[in-house]
Amino acid sequence: MLKRLIYLACLLAFIAVSSLAQQTKRAMTPADILRVANVGDAQISPDGNWVVYTVSTVEADGTRSAIWIARVVSDTSQTALDAARPAARRNAATQLLSSGWNATNPRWSPDSKRIA
């Protein structure tokens, strides 16, 4: 009898929580879609250590695109500088240009040292 009561209480709690979660959902609006950042045009460096990509957002006066760079996570050995920094910071993406620029179509130089 006690098992049934506990089972019933758990079932009712699950139903109550799931109904609350459904009440908070709403349909996506055009304004929601405009707030989504679009990531694209990813280019892996020839040496395979980096990826550069664009992030486009809609602003009041049009679309803005920024170029970001991130280190490709791999099992290769770390340098002394890398070991001193936390892993999350070492592999974090970095915006290459200030927000005033509108840059697209990044391309790597053959030696992986420059982005055009």
PDB file of N, CA and C in Angstrom:
ATOM      1  N   MET A   1       0.820  -1.189   0.000  1.00  0.00           N
ATOM      2  CA  MET A   1       0.000   0.000   0.000  1.00  0.00           C
ATOM      3  C   MET A   1       0.875   1.268   0.000  1.00  0.00           C
ATOM      4  N   LEU A   2       1.910   1.270   0.831  1.00  0.00           N
ATOM      5  CA  LEU A   2       2.803   2.426   0.901  1.00  0.00           C
ATOM      6  C   LEU A   2       3.540   2.631  -0.423  1.00  0.00           C
ATOM      7  N   LYS A   3       3.932   1.517  -1.073  1.00  0.00           N
ATOM      8  CA  LYS A   3       4.591   1.613  -2.378  1.00  0.00           C
ATOM      9  C   LYS A   3       3.687   2.282  -3.402  1.00  0.00           C
ATOM     10  N   ARG A   4       2.429   1.890  -3.399  1.00  0.00           N
ATOM     11  CA  ARG A   4       1.469   2.481  -4.346  1.00  0.00           C
ATOM     12  C   ARG A   4       1.293   3.969  -4.088  1.00  0.00           C
ATOM     13  N   LEU A   5       1.238   4.340  -2.828  1.00  0.00           N
ATOM     14  CA  LEU A   5       1.061   5.742  -2.470  1.00  0.00           C
ATOM     15  C   LEU A   5       2.265   6.574  -2.924  1.00  0.00           C
ATOM     16  N   ILE A   6       3.467   6.057  -2.719  1.00  0.00           N
ATOM     17  CA  ILE A   6       4.680   6.748  -3.168  1.00  0.00           C
ATOM     18  C   ILE A   6       4.703   6.839  -4.689  1.00  0.00           C
ATOM     19  N   TYR A   7       4.363   5.750  -5.358  1.00  0.00           N
ATOM     20  CA  TYR A   7       4.315   5.737  -6.823  1.00  0.00           C
ATOM     21  C   TYR A   7       3.317   6.771  -7.333  1.00  0.00           C
ATOM     22  N   LEU A   8       2.139   6.825  -6.732  1.00  0.00           N
ATOM     23  CA  LEU A   8       1.109   7.774  -7.146  1.00  0.00           C
ATOM     24  C   LEU A   8       1.567   9.214  -6.906  1.00  0.00           C
ATOM     25  N   ALA A   9       2.229   9.466  -5.778  1.00  0.00           N
ATOM     26  CA  ALA A   9       2.723  10.815  -5.484  1.00  0.00           C
ATOM     27  C   ALA A   9       3.775  11.243  -6.505  1.00  0.00           C
ATOM     28  N   CYS A  10       4.679  10.330  -6.861  1.00  0.00           N
ATOM     29  CA  CYS A  10       5.695  10.637  -7.875  1.00  0.00           C
ATOM     30  C   CYS A  10       5.056  10.905  -9.228  1.00  0.00           C
ATOM     31  N   LEU A  11       4.069  10.115  -9.588  1.00  0.00           N
ATOM     32  CA  LEU A  11       3.373  10.294 -10.862  1.00  0.00           C
ATOM     33  C   LEU A  11       2.668  11.646 -10.909  1.00  0.00           C
ATOM     34  N   LEU A  12       1.987  12.013  -9.835  1.00  0.00           N
ATOM     35  CA  LEU A  12       1.303  13.308  -9.790  1.00  0.00           C
ATOM     36  C   LEU A  12       2.302  14.470  -9.837  1.00  0.00           C
ATOM     37  N   ALA A  13       3.428  14.330  -9.171  1.00  0.00           N
ATOM     38  CA  ALA A  13       4.455  15.374  -9.218  1.00  0.00           C
ATOM     39  C   ALA A  13       4.997  15.532 -10.630  1.00  0.00           C
ATOM     40  N   PHE A  14       5.235  14.419 -11.311  1.00  0.00           N
ATOM     41  CA  PHE A  14       5.723  14.465 -12.692  1.00  0.00           C
ATOM     42  C   PHE A  14       4.717  15.160 -13.602  1.00  0.00           C
ATOM     43  N   ILE A  15       3.448  14.829 -13.460  1.00  0.00           N
ATOM     44  CA  ILE A  15       2.404  15.449 -14.289  1.00  0.00           C
ATOM     45  C   ILE A  15       2.323  16.947 -14.004  1.00  0.00           C
ATOM     46  N   ALA A  16       2.414  17.335 -12.741  1.00  0.00           N
ATOM     47  CA  ALA A  16       2.340  18.755 -12.384  1.00  0.00           C
ATOM     48  C   ALA A  16       3.515  19.530 -12.966  1.00  0.00           C
ATOM     49  N   VAL A  17       4.718  18.973 -12.871  1.00  0.00           N
ATOM     50  CA  VAL A  17       5.902  19.648 -13.396  1.00  0.00           C
ATOM     51  C   VAL A  17       5.842  19.748 -14.914  1.00  0.00           C
ATOM     52  N   SER A  18       5.425  18.684 -15.587  1.00  0.00           N
ATOM     53  CA  SER A  18       5.368  18.724 -17.049  1.00  0.00           C
ATOM     54  C   SER A  18       4.297  19.688 -17.540  1.00  0.00           C
ATOM     55  N   SER A  19       3.190  19.815 -16.824  1.00  0.00           N
ATOM     56  CA  SER A  19       2.166  20.773 -17.250  1.00  0.00           C
ATOM     57  C   SER A  19       2.642  22.207 -17.043  1.00  0.00           C
ATOM     58  N   LEU A  20       3.432  22.460 -15.996  1.00  0.00           N
ATOM     59  CA  LEU A  20       3.996  23.799 -15.798  1.00  0.00           C
ATOM     60  C   LEU A  20       4.980  24.152 -16.901  1.00  0.00           C
ATOM     61  N   ALA A  21       5.774  23.187 -17.316  1.00  0.00           N
ATOM     62  CA  ALA A  21       6.746  23.431 -18.383  1.00  0.00           C
ATOM     63  C   ALA A  21       6.043  23.745 -19.692  1.00  0.00           C
ATOM     64  N   GLN A  22       4.926  23.098 -19.948  1.00  0.00           N
ATOM     65  CA  GLN A  22       4.199  23.348 -21.191  1.00  0.00           C
ATOM     66  C   GLN A  22       3.562  24.727 -21.195  1.00  0.00           C
ATOM     67  N   GLN A  23       3.199  25.243 -20.041  1.00  0.00           N
ATOM     68  CA  GLN A  23       2.564  26.550 -19.978  1.00  0.00           C
ATOM     69  C   GLN A  23       3.537  27.676 -20.314  1.00  0.00           C
ATOM     70  N   THR A  24       4.833  27.481 -20.093  1.00  0.00           N
ATOM     71  CA  THR A  24       5.791  28.548 -20.349  1.00  0.00           C
ATOM     72  C   THR A  24       6.222  28.622 -21.811  1.00  0.00           C
ATOM     73  N   LYS A  25       5.899  27.626 -22.608  1.00  0.00           N
ATOM     74  CA  LYS A  25       6.277  27.642 -24.017  1.00  0.00           C
ATOM     75  C   LYS A  25       5.380  28.601 -24.786  1.00  0.00           C
ATOM     76  N   ARG A  26       5.964  29.244 -25.790  1.00  0.00           N
ATOM     77  CA  ARG A  26       5.184  30.109 -26.669  1.00  0.00           C
ATOM     78  C   ARG A  26       5.733  29.975 -28.078  1.00  0.00           C
ATOM     79  N   ALA A  27       4.954  30.402 -29.013  1.00  0.00           N
ATOM     80  CA  ALA A  27       5.377  30.322 -30.414  1.00  0.00           C
ATOM     81  C   ALA A  27       6.473  31.351 -30.681  1.00  0.00           C
ATOM     82  N   MET A  28       7.364  31.001 -31.604  1.00  0.00           N
ATOM     83  CA  MET A  28       8.414  31.935 -32.006  1.00  0.00           C
ATOM     84  C   MET A  28       7.816  33.060 -32.830  1.00  0.00           C
ATOM     85  N   THR A  29       8.282  34.257 -32.582  1.00  0.00           N
ATOM     86  CA  THR A  29       7.799  35.418 -33.321  1.00  0.00           C
ATOM     87  C   THR A  29       8.888  35.887 -34.291  1.00  0.00           C
ATOM     88  N   PRO A  30       8.537  36.734 -35.255  1.00  0.00           N
ATOM     89  CA  PRO A  30       9.570  37.281 -36.142  1.00  0.00           C
ATOM     90  C   PRO A  30      10.667  38.019 -35.369  1.00  0.00           C
ATOM     91  N   ALA A  31      10.318  38.676 -34.279  1.00  0.00           N
ATOM     92  CA  ALA A  31      11.330  39.365 -33.469  1.00  0.00           C
ATOM     93  C   ALA A  31      12.312  38.368 -32.861  1.00  0.00           C
ATOM     94  N   ASP A  32      11.816  37.195 -32.458  1.00  0.00           N
ATOM     95  CA  ASP A  32      12.706  36.153 -31.926  1.00  0.00           C
ATOM     96  C   ASP A  32      13.692  35.695 -32.994  1.00  0.00           C
ATOM     97  N   ILE A  33      13.208  35.521 -34.192  1.00  0.00           N
ATOM     98  CA  ILE A  33      14.059  35.049 -35.287  1.00  0.00           C
ATOM     99  C   ILE A  33      15.158  36.066 -35.583  1.00  0.00           C
ATOM    100  N   LEU A  34      14.831  37.348 -35.500  1.00  0.00           N
ATOM    101  CA  LEU A  34      15.824  38.392 -35.766  1.00  0.00           C
ATOM    102  C   LEU A  34      16.908  38.452 -34.699  1.00  0.00           C
ATOM    103  N   ARG A  35      16.615  37.963 -33.499  1.00  0.00           N
ATOM    104  CA  ARG A  35      17.612  37.975 -32.421  1.00  0.00           C
ATOM    105  C   ARG A  35      18.592  36.811 -32.502  1.00  0.00           C
ATOM    106  N   VAL A  36      18.339  35.851 -33.354  1.00  0.00           N
ATOM    107  CA  VAL A  36      19.211  34.684 -33.478  1.00  0.00           C
ATOM    108  C   VAL A  36      20.449  35.060 -34.290  1.00  0.00           C
ATOM    109  N   ALA A  37      21.610  34.728 -33.773  1.00  0.00           N
ATOM    110  CA  ALA A  37      22.862  34.959 -34.501  1.00  0.00           C
ATOM    111  C   ALA A  37      23.097  33.784 -35.440  1.00  0.00           C
ATOM    112  N   ASN A  38      23.485  34.073 -36.655  1.00  0.00           N
ATOM    113  CA  ASN A  38      23.757  33.038 -37.649  1.00  0.00           C
ATOM    114  C   ASN A  38      25.260  32.831 -37.775  1.00  0.00           C
ATOM    115  N   VAL A  39      25.676  31.590 -37.601  1.00  0.00           N
ATOM    116  CA  VAL A  39      27.090  31.235 -37.713  1.00  0.00           C
ATOM    117  C   VAL A  39      27.298  30.562 -39.056  1.00  0.00           C
ATOM    118  N   GLY A  40      28.339  30.980 -39.777  1.00  0.00           N
ATOM    119  CA  GLY A  40      28.561  30.379 -41.085  1.00  0.00           C
ATOM    120  C   GLY A  40      29.962  30.594 -41.608  1.00  0.00           C
ATOM    121  N   ASP A  41      30.170  30.092 -42.801  1.00  0.00           N
ATOM    122  CA  ASP A  41      31.413  30.235 -43.552  1.00  0.00           C
ATOM    123  C   ASP A  41      32.645  29.824 -42.748  1.00  0.00           C
ATOM    124  N   ALA A  42      32.550  28.692 -42.069  1.00  0.00           N
ATOM    125  CA  ALA A  42      33.682  28.197 -41.274  1.00  0.00           C
ATOM    126  C   ALA A  42      34.801  27.722 -42.191  1.00  0.00           C
ATOM    127  N   GLN A  43      36.022  28.137 -41.870  1.00  0.00           N
ATOM    128  CA  GLN A  43      37.209  27.764 -42.639  1.00  0.00           C
ATOM    129  C   GLN A  43      38.273  27.243 -41.679  1.00  0.00           C
ATOM    130  N   ILE A  44      38.675  26.000 -41.852  1.00  0.00           N
ATOM    131  CA  ILE A  44      39.721  25.416 -41.020  1.00  0.00           C
ATOM    132  C   ILE A  44      41.070  25.786 -41.619  1.00  0.00           C
ATOM    133  N   SER A  45      42.003  26.167 -40.762  1.00  0.00           N
ATOM    134  CA  SER A  45      43.334  26.560 -41.238  1.00  0.00           C
ATOM    135  C   SER A  45      44.032  25.377 -41.896  1.00  0.00           C
ATOM    136  N   PRO A  46      44.922  25.637 -42.858  1.00  0.00           N
ATOM    137  CA  PRO A  46      45.628  24.548 -43.534  1.00  0.00           C
ATOM    138  C   PRO A  46      46.385  23.622 -42.583  1.00  0.00           C
ATOM    139  N   ASP A  47      46.873  24.158 -41.451  1.00  0.00           N
ATOM    140  CA  ASP A  47      47.577  23.283 -40.502  1.00  0.00           C
ATOM    141  C   ASP A  47      46.617  22.538 -39.573  1.00  0.00           C
ATOM    142  N   GLY A  48      45.312  22.838 -39.662  1.00  0.00           N
ATOM    143  CA  GLY A  48      44.301  22.130 -38.883  1.00  0.00           C
ATOM    144  C   GLY A  48      44.179  22.551 -37.433  1.00  0.00           C
ATOM    145  N   ASN A  49      44.854  23.620 -37.028  1.00  0.00           N
ATOM    146  CA  ASN A  49      44.833  24.039 -35.625  1.00  0.00           C
ATOM    147  C   ASN A  49      43.767  25.076 -35.288  1.00  0.00           C
ATOM    148  N   TRP A  50      43.241  25.770 -36.282  1.00  0.00           N
ATOM    149  CA  TRP A  50      42.316  26.874 -36.043  1.00  0.00           C
ATOM    150  C   TRP A  50      41.107  26.778 -36.961  1.00  0.00           C
ATOM    151  N   VAL A  51      40.017  27.380 -36.527  1.00  0.00           N
ATOM    152  CA  VAL A  51      38.854  27.558 -37.385  1.00  0.00           C
ATOM    153  C   VAL A  51      38.452  29.025 -37.279  1.00  0.00           C
ATOM    154  N   VAL A  52      38.185  29.629 -38.413  1.00  0.00           N
ATOM    155  CA  VAL A  52      37.714  31.005 -38.467  1.00  0.00           C
ATOM    156  C   VAL A  52      36.317  30.954 -39.084  1.00  0.00           C
ATOM    157  N   TYR A  53      35.401  31.776 -38.565  1.00  0.00           N
ATOM    158  CA  TYR A  53      34.015  31.729 -39.033  1.00  0.00           C
ATOM    159  C   TYR A  53      33.369  33.095 -38.842  1.00  0.00           C
ATOM    160  N   THR A  54      32.212  33.275 -39.456  1.00  0.00           N
ATOM    161  CA  THR A  54      31.488  34.535 -39.330  1.00  0.00           C
ATOM    162  C   THR A  54      30.270  34.341 -38.433  1.00  0.00           C
ATOM    163  N   VAL A  55      29.925  35.397 -37.713  1.00  0.00           N
ATOM    164  CA  VAL A  55      28.703  35.442 -36.917  1.00  0.00           C
ATOM    165  C   VAL A  55      27.937  36.671 -37.377  1.00  0.00           C
ATOM    166  N   SER A  56      26.736  36.462 -37.908  1.00  0.00           N
ATOM    167  CA  SER A  56      25.920  37.564 -38.428  1.00  0.00           C
ATOM    168  C   SER A  56      24.728  37.802 -37.509  1.00  0.00           C
ATOM    169  N   THR A  57      24.463  39.070 -37.223  1.00  0.00           N
ATOM    170  CA  THR A  57      23.321  39.459 -36.403  1.00  0.00           C
ATOM    171  C   THR A  57      22.572  40.584 -37.103  1.00  0.00           C
ATOM    172  N   VAL A  58      21.292  40.698 -36.795  1.00  0.00           N
ATOM    173  CA  VAL A  58      20.476  41.770 -37.358  1.00  0.00           C
ATOM    174  C   VAL A  58      20.447  42.910 -36.354  1.00  0.00           C
ATOM    175  N   GLU A  59      20.788  44.095 -36.827  1.00  0.00           N
ATOM    176  CA  GLU A  59      20.742  45.294 -35.999  1.00  0.00           C
ATOM    177  C   GLU A  59      19.763  46.271 -36.629  1.00  0.00           C
ATOM    178  N   ALA A  60      19.535  47.385 -35.982  1.00  0.00           N
ATOM    179  CA  ALA A  60      18.543  48.353 -36.447  1.00  0.00           C
ATOM    180  C   ALA A  60      18.793  48.811 -37.873  1.00  0.00           C
ATOM    181  N   ASP A  61      20.052  48.996 -38.240  1.00  0.00           N
ATOM    182  CA  ASP A  61      20.359  49.523 -39.567  1.00  0.00           C
ATOM    183  C   ASP A  61      20.780  48.446 -40.567  1.00  0.00           C
ATOM    184  N   GLY A  62      20.610  47.187 -40.242  1.00  0.00           N
ATOM    185  CA  GLY A  62      20.942  46.113 -41.182  1.00  0.00           C
ATOM    186  C   GLY A  62      21.649  44.954 -40.511  1.00  0.00           C
ATOM    187  N   THR A  63      22.240  44.114 -41.328  1.00  0.00           N
ATOM    188  CA  THR A  63      22.944  42.936 -40.836  1.00  0.00           C
ATOM    189  C   THR A  63      24.415  43.261 -40.610  1.00  0.00           C
ATOM    190  N   ARG A  64      24.959  42.793 -39.503  1.00  0.00           N
ATOM    191  CA  ARG A  64      26.378  42.950 -39.188  1.00  0.00           C
ATOM    192  C   ARG A  64      27.015  41.572 -39.129  1.00  0.00           C
ATOM    193  N   SER A  65      28.174  41.451 -39.722  1.00  0.00           N
ATOM    194  CA  SER A  65      28.923  40.193 -39.678  1.00  0.00           C
ATOM    195  C   SER A  65      30.281  40.442 -39.042  1.00  0.00           C
ATOM    196  N   ALA A  66      30.654  39.561 -38.143  1.00  0.00           N
ATOM    197  CA  ALA A  66      31.951  39.645 -37.475  1.00  0.00           C
ATOM    198  C   ALA A  66      32.700  38.342 -37.704  1.00  0.00           C
ATOM    199  N   ILE A  67      34.008  38.429 -37.736  1.00  0.00           N
ATOM    200  CA  ILE A  67      34.845  37.240 -37.899  1.00  0.00           C
ATOM    201  C   ILE A  67      35.356  36.813 -36.527  1.00  0.00           C
ATOM    202  N   TRP A  68      35.207  35.528 -36.242  1.00  0.00           N
ATOM    203  CA  TRP A  68      35.660  34.934 -34.987  1.00  0.00           C
ATOM    204  C   TRP A  68      36.669  33.841 -35.299  1.00  0.00           C
ATOM    205  N   ILE A  69      37.541  33.569 -34.338  1.00  0.00           N
ATOM    206  CA  ILE A  69      38.534  32.506 -34.487  1.00  0.00           C
ATOM    207  C   ILE A  69      38.520  31.645 -33.223  1.00  0.00           C
ATOM    208  N   ALA A  70      38.698  30.357 -33.407  1.00  0.00           N
ATOM    209  CA  ALA A  70      38.768  29.434 -32.269  1.00  0.00           C
ATOM    210  C   ALA A  70      39.802  28.360 -32.565  1.00  0.00           C
ATOM    211  N   ARG A  71      40.451  27.918 -31.531  1.00  0.00           N
ATOM    212  CA  ARG A  71      41.430  26.834 -31.657  1.00  0.00           C
ATOM    213  C   ARG A  71      40.669  25.520 -31.758  1.00  0.00           C
ATOM    214  N   VAL A  72      41.115  24.662 -32.647  1.00  0.00           N
ATOM    215  CA  VAL A  72      40.507  23.346 -32.778  1.00  0.00           C
ATOM    216  C   VAL A  72      41.052  22.487 -31.642  1.00  0.00           C
ATOM    217  N   VAL A  73      40.165  21.938 -30.846  1.00  0.00           N
ATOM    218  CA  VAL A  73      40.578  21.122 -29.707  1.00  0.00           C
ATOM    219  C   VAL A  73      41.087  19.787 -30.219  1.00  0.00           C
ATOM    220  N   SER A  74      42.284  19.409 -29.766  1.00  0.00           N
ATOM    221  CA  SER A  74      42.860  18.135 -30.186  1.00  0.00           C
ATOM    222  C   SER A  74      43.656  17.543 -29.037  1.00  0.00           C
ATOM    223  N   ASP A  75      44.184  16.380 -29.244  1.00  0.00           N
ATOM    224  CA  ASP A  75      44.971  15.695 -28.219  1.00  0.00           C
ATOM    225  C   ASP A  75      46.453  16.032 -28.302  1.00  0.00           C
ATOM    226  N   THR A  76      46.816  17.069 -29.037  1.00  0.00           N
ATOM    227  CA  THR A  76      48.232  17.408 -29.187  1.00  0.00           C
ATOM    228  C   THR A  76      48.770  18.002 -27.895  1.00  0.00           C
ATOM    229  N   SER A  77      50.071  18.034 -27.762  1.00  0.00           N
ATOM    230  CA  SER A  77      50.689  18.556 -26.540  1.00  0.00           C
ATOM    231  C   SER A  77      50.482  20.063 -26.435  1.00  0.00           C
ATOM    232  N   GLN A  78      50.555  20.568 -25.211  1.00  0.00           N
ATOM    233  CA  GLN A  78      50.352  21.985 -24.947  1.00  0.00           C
ATOM    234  C   GLN A  78      51.688  22.697 -24.790  1.00  0.00           C
ATOM    235  N   THR A  79      51.678  23.981 -25.073  1.00  0.00           N
ATOM    236  CA  THR A  79      52.867  24.788 -24.805  1.00  0.00           C
ATOM    237  C   THR A  79      52.835  25.238 -23.349  1.00  0.00           C
ATOM    238  N   ALA A  80      53.926  25.802 -22.869  1.00  0.00           N
ATOM    239  CA  ALA A  80      53.982  26.280 -21.484  1.00  0.00           C
ATOM    240  C   ALA A  80      52.943  27.364 -21.235  1.00  0.00           C
ATOM    241  N   LEU A  81      52.733  28.245 -22.220  1.00  0.00           N
ATOM    242  CA  LEU A  81      51.725  29.290 -22.060  1.00  0.00           C
ATOM    243  C   LEU A  81      50.338  28.695 -21.949  1.00  0.00           C
ATOM    244  N   ASP A  82      50.037  27.689 -22.768  1.00  0.00           N
ATOM    245  CA  ASP A  82      48.728  27.052 -22.715  1.00  0.00           C
ATOM    246  C   ASP A  82      48.495  26.387 -21.369  1.00  0.00           C
ATOM    247  N   ALA A  83      49.514  25.755 -20.816  1.00  0.00           N
ATOM    248  CA  ALA A  83      49.366  25.039 -19.553  1.00  0.00           C
ATOM    249  C   ALA A  83      49.052  25.991 -18.403  1.00  0.00           C
ATOM    250  N   ALA A  84      49.485  27.240 -18.515  1.00  0.00           N
ATOM    251  CA  ALA A  84      49.250  28.209 -17.443  1.00  0.00           C
ATOM    252  C   ALA A  84      47.829  28.755 -17.443  1.00  0.00           C
ATOM    253  N   ARG A  85      47.124  28.624 -18.550  1.00  0.00           N
ATOM    254  CA  ARG A  85      45.765  29.146 -18.648  1.00  0.00           C
ATOM    255  C   ARG A  85      44.760  28.011 -18.512  1.00  0.00           C
ATOM    256  N   PRO A  86      43.568  28.288 -17.970  1.00  0.00           N
ATOM    257  CA  PRO A  86      42.537  27.249 -17.903  1.00  0.00           C
ATOM    258  C   PRO A  86      42.131  26.804 -19.303  1.00  0.00           C
ATOM    259  N   ALA A  87      41.738  25.547 -19.438  1.00  0.00           N
ATOM    260  CA  ALA A  87      41.377  24.989 -20.747  1.00  0.00           C
ATOM    261  C   ALA A  87      40.249  25.767 -21.402  1.00  0.00           C
ATOM    262  N   ALA A  88      39.262  26.198 -20.638  1.00  0.00           N
ATOM    263  CA  ALA A  88      38.137  26.930 -21.215  1.00  0.00           C
ATOM    264  C   ALA A  88      38.607  28.222 -21.864  1.00  0.00           C
ATOM    265  N   ARG A  89      39.581  28.874 -21.278  1.00  0.00           N
ATOM    266  CA  ARG A  89      40.089  30.132 -21.837  1.00  0.00           C
ATOM    267  C   ARG A  89      40.983  29.880 -23.044  1.00  0.00           C
ATOM    268  N   ARG A  90      41.791  28.816 -23.000  1.00  0.00           N
ATOM    269  CA  ARG A  90      42.690  28.487 -24.109  1.00  0.00           C
ATOM    270  C   ARG A  90      41.922  28.253 -25.397  1.00  0.00           C
ATOM    271  N   ASN A  91      40.795  27.580 -25.295  1.00  0.00           N
ATOM    272  CA  ASN A  91      40.047  27.177 -26.481  1.00  0.00           C
ATOM    273  C   ASN A  91      38.848  28.072 -26.763  1.00  0.00           C
ATOM    274  N   ALA A  92      38.720  29.179 -26.049  1.00  0.00           N
ATOM    275  CA  ALA A  92      37.585  30.070 -26.237  1.00  0.00           C
ATOM    276  C   ALA A  92      37.694  30.799 -27.570  1.00  0.00           C
ATOM    277  N   ALA A  93      36.547  31.034 -28.172  1.00  0.00           N
ATOM    278  CA  ALA A  93      36.509  31.790 -29.423  1.00  0.00           C
ATOM    279  C   ALA A  93      36.791  33.263 -29.138  1.00  0.00           C
ATOM    280  N   THR A  94      37.422  33.930 -30.100  1.00  0.00           N
ATOM    281  CA  THR A  94      37.785  35.334 -29.968  1.00  0.00           C
ATOM    282  C   THR A  94      37.334  36.085 -31.212  1.00  0.00           C
ATOM    283  N   GLN A  95      36.685  37.228 -30.999  1.00  0.00           N
ATOM    284  CA  GLN A  95      36.298  38.064 -32.129  1.00  0.00           C
ATOM    285  C   GLN A  95      37.541  38.785 -32.632  1.00  0.00           C
ATOM    286  N   LEU A  96      37.770  38.734 -33.953  1.00  0.00           N
ATOM    287  CA  LEU A  96      38.992  39.304 -34.515  1.00  0.00           C
ATOM    288  C   LEU A  96      38.923  40.806 -34.748  1.00  0.00           C
ATOM    289  N   LEU A  97      37.772  41.324 -35.128  1.00  0.00           N
ATOM    290  CA  LEU A  97      37.636  42.750 -35.424  1.00  0.00           C
ATOM    291  C   LEU A  97      36.641  43.385 -34.469  1.00  0.00           C
ATOM    292  N   SER A  98      36.786  44.685 -34.241  1.00  0.00           N
ATOM    293  CA  SER A  98      35.837  45.379 -33.376  1.00  0.00           C
ATOM    294  C   SER A  98      34.461  45.393 -34.029  1.00  0.00           C
ATOM    295  N   SER A  99      33.457  45.711 -33.245  1.00  0.00           N
ATOM    296  CA  SER A  99      32.078  45.629 -33.729  1.00  0.00           C
ATOM    297  C   SER A  99      31.759  46.619 -34.844  1.00  0.00           C
ATOM    298  N   GLY A 100      32.593  47.614 -35.088  1.00  0.00           N
ATOM    299  CA  GLY A 100      32.346  48.575 -36.157  1.00  0.00           C
ATOM    300  C   GLY A 100      32.569  48.018 -37.558  1.00  0.00           C
ATOM    301  N   TRP A 101      33.268  46.910 -37.669  1.00  0.00           N
ATOM    302  CA  TRP A 101      33.568  46.308 -38.964  1.00  0.00           C
ATOM    303  C   TRP A 101      32.438  45.385 -39.397  1.00  0.00           C
ATOM    304  N   ASN A 102      32.283  45.232 -40.692  1.00  0.00           N
ATOM    305  CA  ASN A 102      31.325  44.285 -41.250  1.00  0.00           C
ATOM    306  C   ASN A 102      32.115  43.381 -42.192  1.00  0.00           C
ATOM    307  N   ALA A 103      32.601  42.263 -41.684  1.00  0.00           N
ATOM    308  CA  ALA A 103      33.519  41.401 -42.432  1.00  0.00           C
ATOM    309  C   ALA A 103      32.868  40.061 -42.755  1.00  0.00           C
ATOM    310  N   THR A 104      33.150  39.569 -43.951  1.00  0.00           N
ATOM    311  CA  THR A 104      32.613  38.275 -44.383  1.00  0.00           C
ATOM    312  C   THR A 104      33.677  37.512 -45.169  1.00  0.00           C
ATOM    313  N   ASN A 105      33.396  36.252 -45.435  1.00  0.00           N
ATOM    314  CA  ASN A 105      34.230  35.383 -46.279  1.00  0.00           C
ATOM    315  C   ASN A 105      35.694  35.306 -45.863  1.00  0.00           C
ATOM    316  N   PRO A 106      35.982  34.925 -44.636  1.00  0.00           N
ATOM    317  CA  PRO A 106      37.393  34.817 -44.233  1.00  0.00           C
ATOM    318  C   PRO A 106      38.089  33.672 -44.958  1.00  0.00           C
ATOM    319  N   ARG A 107      39.358  33.884 -45.302  1.00  0.00           N
ATOM    320  CA  ARG A 107      40.157  32.849 -45.971  1.00  0.00           C
ATOM    321  C   ARG A 107      41.541  32.827 -45.353  1.00  0.00           C
ATOM    322  N   TRP A 108      42.128  31.634 -45.242  1.00  0.00           N
ATOM    323  CA  TRP A 108      43.448  31.441 -44.654  1.00  0.00           C
ATOM    324  C   TRP A 108      44.544  31.588 -45.694  1.00  0.00           C
ATOM    325  N   SER A 109      45.687  32.084 -45.260  1.00  0.00           N
ATOM    326  CA  SER A 109      46.879  32.040 -46.110  1.00  0.00           C
ATOM    327  C   SER A 109      47.388  30.596 -46.087  1.00  0.00           C
ATOM    328  N   PRO A 110      48.145  30.178 -47.104  1.00  0.00           N
ATOM    329  CA  PRO A 110      48.621  28.790 -47.162  1.00  0.00           C
ATOM    330  C   PRO A 110      49.448  28.360 -45.949  1.00  0.00           C
ATOM    331  N   ASP A 111      50.131  29.309 -45.288  1.00  0.00           N
ATOM    332  CA  ASP A 111      50.957  28.940 -44.134  1.00  0.00           C
ATOM    333  C   ASP A 111      50.199  29.025 -42.798  1.00  0.00           C
ATOM    334  N   SER A 112      48.903  29.303 -42.834  1.00  0.00           N
ATOM    335  CA  SER A 112      48.028  29.383 -41.647  1.00  0.00           C
ATOM    336  C   SER A 112      48.381  30.524 -40.697  1.00  0.00           C
ATOM    337  N   LYS A 113      49.120  31.523 -41.167  1.00  0.00           N
ATOM    338  CA  LYS A 113      49.526  32.622 -40.291  1.00  0.00           C
ATOM    339  C   LYS A 113      48.656  33.864 -40.448  1.00  0.00           C
ATOM    340  N   ARG A 114      47.927  33.973 -41.559  1.00  0.00           N
ATOM    341  CA  ARG A 114      47.133  35.170 -41.814  1.00  0.00           C
ATOM    342  C   ARG A 114      45.745  34.794 -42.313  1.00  0.00           C
ATOM    343  N   ILE A 115      44.827  35.730 -42.080  1.00  0.00           N
ATOM    344  CA  ILE A 115      43.459  35.574 -42.569  1.00  0.00           C
ATOM    345  C   ILE A 115      43.161  36.771 -43.458  1.00  0.00           C
ATOM    346  N   ALA A 116      42.613  36.508 -44.619  1.00  0.00           N
ATOM    347  CA  ALA A 116      42.266  37.591 -45.545  1.00  0.00           C
ATOM    348  C   ALA A 116      40.761  37.731 -45.612  1.00  0.00           C
TER     349      ALA A 116
END
